[in-house]
Amino acid sequence: MKNFKIDATDYKTNEIFKFVRQALGLTQKQMAEGIKISKSSVERYERGLDNYTFETIVKVAKKYNLKITIELNDKNNSK
């Protein structure tokens, strides 16, 4: 299982999608085919023109055997 640690507070959501794709060594076309969406959807997610759903994140995780950990931290209330 691949594990990517990303501090989501440092990235926009479109940057996270692109980071994961590139870390997997995939082209936009390969990512699209792997999770059965259009290449234009991948392009639009990465450019921030569309938002992907949690379902899309789960598809990516299942297809590429990724572990997803979501931490919700309020930087204003950090101890």
C-alpha atoms as a PDB file:
ATOM      1  CA  MET A   1       0.000   0.000   0.000  1.00  0.00           C
ATOM      2  CA  LYS A   2       1.346   3.395  -0.985  1.00  0.00           C
ATOM      3  CA  ASN A   3       1.139   6.128   1.605  1.00  0.00           C
ATOM      4  CA  PHE A   4       1.487   9.798   0.723  1.00  0.00           C
ATOM      5  CA  LYS A   5       1.621  12.280   3.560  1.00  0.00           C
ATOM      6  CA  ILE A   6       0.263  15.610   2.405  1.00  0.00           C
ATOM      7  CA  ASP A   7      -0.467  18.560   4.634  1.00  0.00           C
ATOM      8  CA  ALA A   8      -3.614  19.672   2.872  1.00  0.00           C
ATOM      9  CA  THR A   9      -3.422  23.109   4.441  1.00  0.00           C
ATOM     10  CA  ASP A  10      -0.416  23.807   2.194  1.00  0.00           C
ATOM     11  CA  TYR A  11      -2.205  22.925  -1.060  1.00  0.00           C
ATOM     12  CA  LYS A  12      -5.321  23.807  -2.981  1.00  0.00           C
ATOM     13  CA  THR A  13      -7.494  20.772  -3.709  1.00  0.00           C
ATOM     14  CA  ASN A  14      -6.571  20.796  -7.396  1.00  0.00           C
ATOM     15  CA  GLU A  15      -2.865  20.703  -6.477  1.00  0.00           C
ATOM     16  CA  ILE A  16      -3.389  17.620  -4.311  1.00  0.00           C
ATOM     17  CA  PHE A  17      -5.020  15.715  -7.175  1.00  0.00           C
ATOM     18  CA  LYS A  18      -2.124  16.582  -9.480  1.00  0.00           C
ATOM     19  CA  PHE A  19       0.484  15.767  -6.811  1.00  0.00           C
ATOM     20  CA  VAL A  20      -0.949  12.281  -6.286  1.00  0.00           C
ATOM     21  CA  ARG A  21      -1.176  11.602 -10.028  1.00  0.00           C
ATOM     22  CA  GLN A  22       2.401  12.682 -10.595  1.00  0.00           C
ATOM     23  CA  ALA A  23       3.666  10.767  -7.556  1.00  0.00           C
ATOM     24  CA  LEU A  24       2.088   7.644  -9.049  1.00  0.00           C
ATOM     25  CA  GLY A  25       3.942   8.368 -12.297  1.00  0.00           C
ATOM     26  CA  LEU A  26       0.733   8.597 -14.314  1.00  0.00           C
ATOM     27  CA  THR A  27      -0.247  10.796 -17.206  1.00  0.00           C
ATOM     28  CA  GLN A  28      -3.607  12.518 -17.120  1.00  0.00           C
ATOM     29  CA  LYS A  29      -4.859   9.986 -19.661  1.00  0.00           C
ATOM     30  CA  GLN A  30      -3.678   7.025 -17.568  1.00  0.00           C
ATOM     31  CA  MET A  31      -5.302   8.434 -14.431  1.00  0.00           C
ATOM     32  CA  ALA A  32      -8.560   9.031 -16.290  1.00  0.00           C
ATOM     33  CA  GLU A  33      -8.621   5.533 -17.743  1.00  0.00           C
ATOM     34  CA  GLY A  34      -7.719   3.994 -14.390  1.00  0.00           C
ATOM     35  CA  ILE A  35     -10.642   5.526 -12.533  1.00  0.00           C
ATOM     36  CA  LYS A  36     -12.992   5.569 -15.525  1.00  0.00           C
ATOM     37  CA  ILE A  37     -13.482   9.284 -15.987  1.00  0.00           C
ATOM     38  CA  SER A  38     -12.681  11.489 -18.953  1.00  0.00           C
ATOM     39  CA  LYS A  39      -9.239  12.961 -19.478  1.00  0.00           C
ATOM     40  CA  SER A  40     -10.877  16.374 -19.650  1.00  0.00           C
ATOM     41  CA  SER A  41     -12.229  15.822 -16.114  1.00  0.00           C
ATOM     42  CA  VAL A  42      -8.699  15.179 -14.848  1.00  0.00           C
ATOM     43  CA  GLU A  43      -7.493  18.306 -16.645  1.00  0.00           C
ATOM     44  CA  ARG A  44     -10.313  20.371 -15.148  1.00  0.00           C
ATOM     45  CA  TYR A  45      -9.669  19.031 -11.619  1.00  0.00           C
ATOM     46  CA  GLU A  46      -5.984  19.863 -11.877  1.00  0.00           C
ATOM     47  CA  ARG A  47      -6.620  23.350 -13.223  1.00  0.00           C
ATOM     48  CA  GLY A  48      -9.153  24.044 -10.482  1.00  0.00           C
ATOM     49  CA  LEU A  49     -12.008  24.500 -12.949  1.00  0.00           C
ATOM     50  CA  ASP A  50     -14.072  21.666 -11.420  1.00  0.00           C
ATOM     51  CA  ASN A  51     -14.127  20.134  -7.970  1.00  0.00           C
ATOM     52  CA  TYR A  52     -13.816  16.391  -7.598  1.00  0.00           C
ATOM     53  CA  THR A  53     -15.969  14.480  -5.160  1.00  0.00           C
ATOM     54  CA  PHE A  54     -15.018  12.285  -2.244  1.00  0.00           C
ATOM     55  CA  GLU A  55     -16.179   9.384  -4.432  1.00  0.00           C
ATOM     56  CA  THR A  56     -13.433  10.289  -6.926  1.00  0.00           C
ATOM     57  CA  ILE A  57     -10.839  10.275  -4.149  1.00  0.00           C
ATOM     58  CA  VAL A  58     -12.028   6.821  -3.064  1.00  0.00           C
ATOM     59  CA  LYS A  59     -11.806   5.555  -6.676  1.00  0.00           C
ATOM     60  CA  VAL A  60      -8.190   6.736  -6.886  1.00  0.00           C
ATOM     61  CA  ALA A  61      -7.337   5.171  -3.523  1.00  0.00           C
ATOM     62  CA  LYS A  62      -8.885   1.811  -4.398  1.00  0.00           C
ATOM     63  CA  LYS A  63      -7.464   1.643  -7.917  1.00  0.00           C
ATOM     64  CA  TYR A  64      -3.906   2.527  -6.883  1.00  0.00           C
ATOM     65  CA  ASN A  65      -3.928   0.939  -3.433  1.00  0.00           C
ATOM     66  CA  LEU A  66      -3.474   4.185  -1.535  1.00  0.00           C
ATOM     67  CA  LYS A  67      -4.058   4.891   2.108  1.00  0.00           C
ATOM     68  CA  ILE A  68      -5.976   8.092   2.747  1.00  0.00           C
ATOM     69  CA  THR A  69      -5.668   9.822   6.078  1.00  0.00           C
ATOM     70  CA  ILE A  70      -7.552  13.018   6.678  1.00  0.00           C
ATOM     71  CA  GLU A  71      -6.583  15.190   9.619  1.00  0.00           C
ATOM     72  CA  LEU A  72      -8.663  18.197  10.477  1.00  0.00           C
ATOM     73  CA  ASN A  73      -6.670  20.763  12.347  1.00  0.00           C
ATOM     74  CA  ASP A  74      -7.522  24.306  13.178  1.00  0.00           C
ATOM     75  CA  LYS A  75      -4.242  26.191  12.799  1.00  0.00           C
ATOM     76  CA  ASN A  76      -5.696  29.021  14.855  1.00  0.00           C
ATOM     77  CA  ASN A  77      -6.224  26.710  17.830  1.00  0.00           C
ATOM     78  CA  SER A  78      -3.024  24.656  17.609  1.00  0.00           C
ATOM     79  CA  LYS A  79      -1.583  23.662  20.949  1.00  0.00           C
END
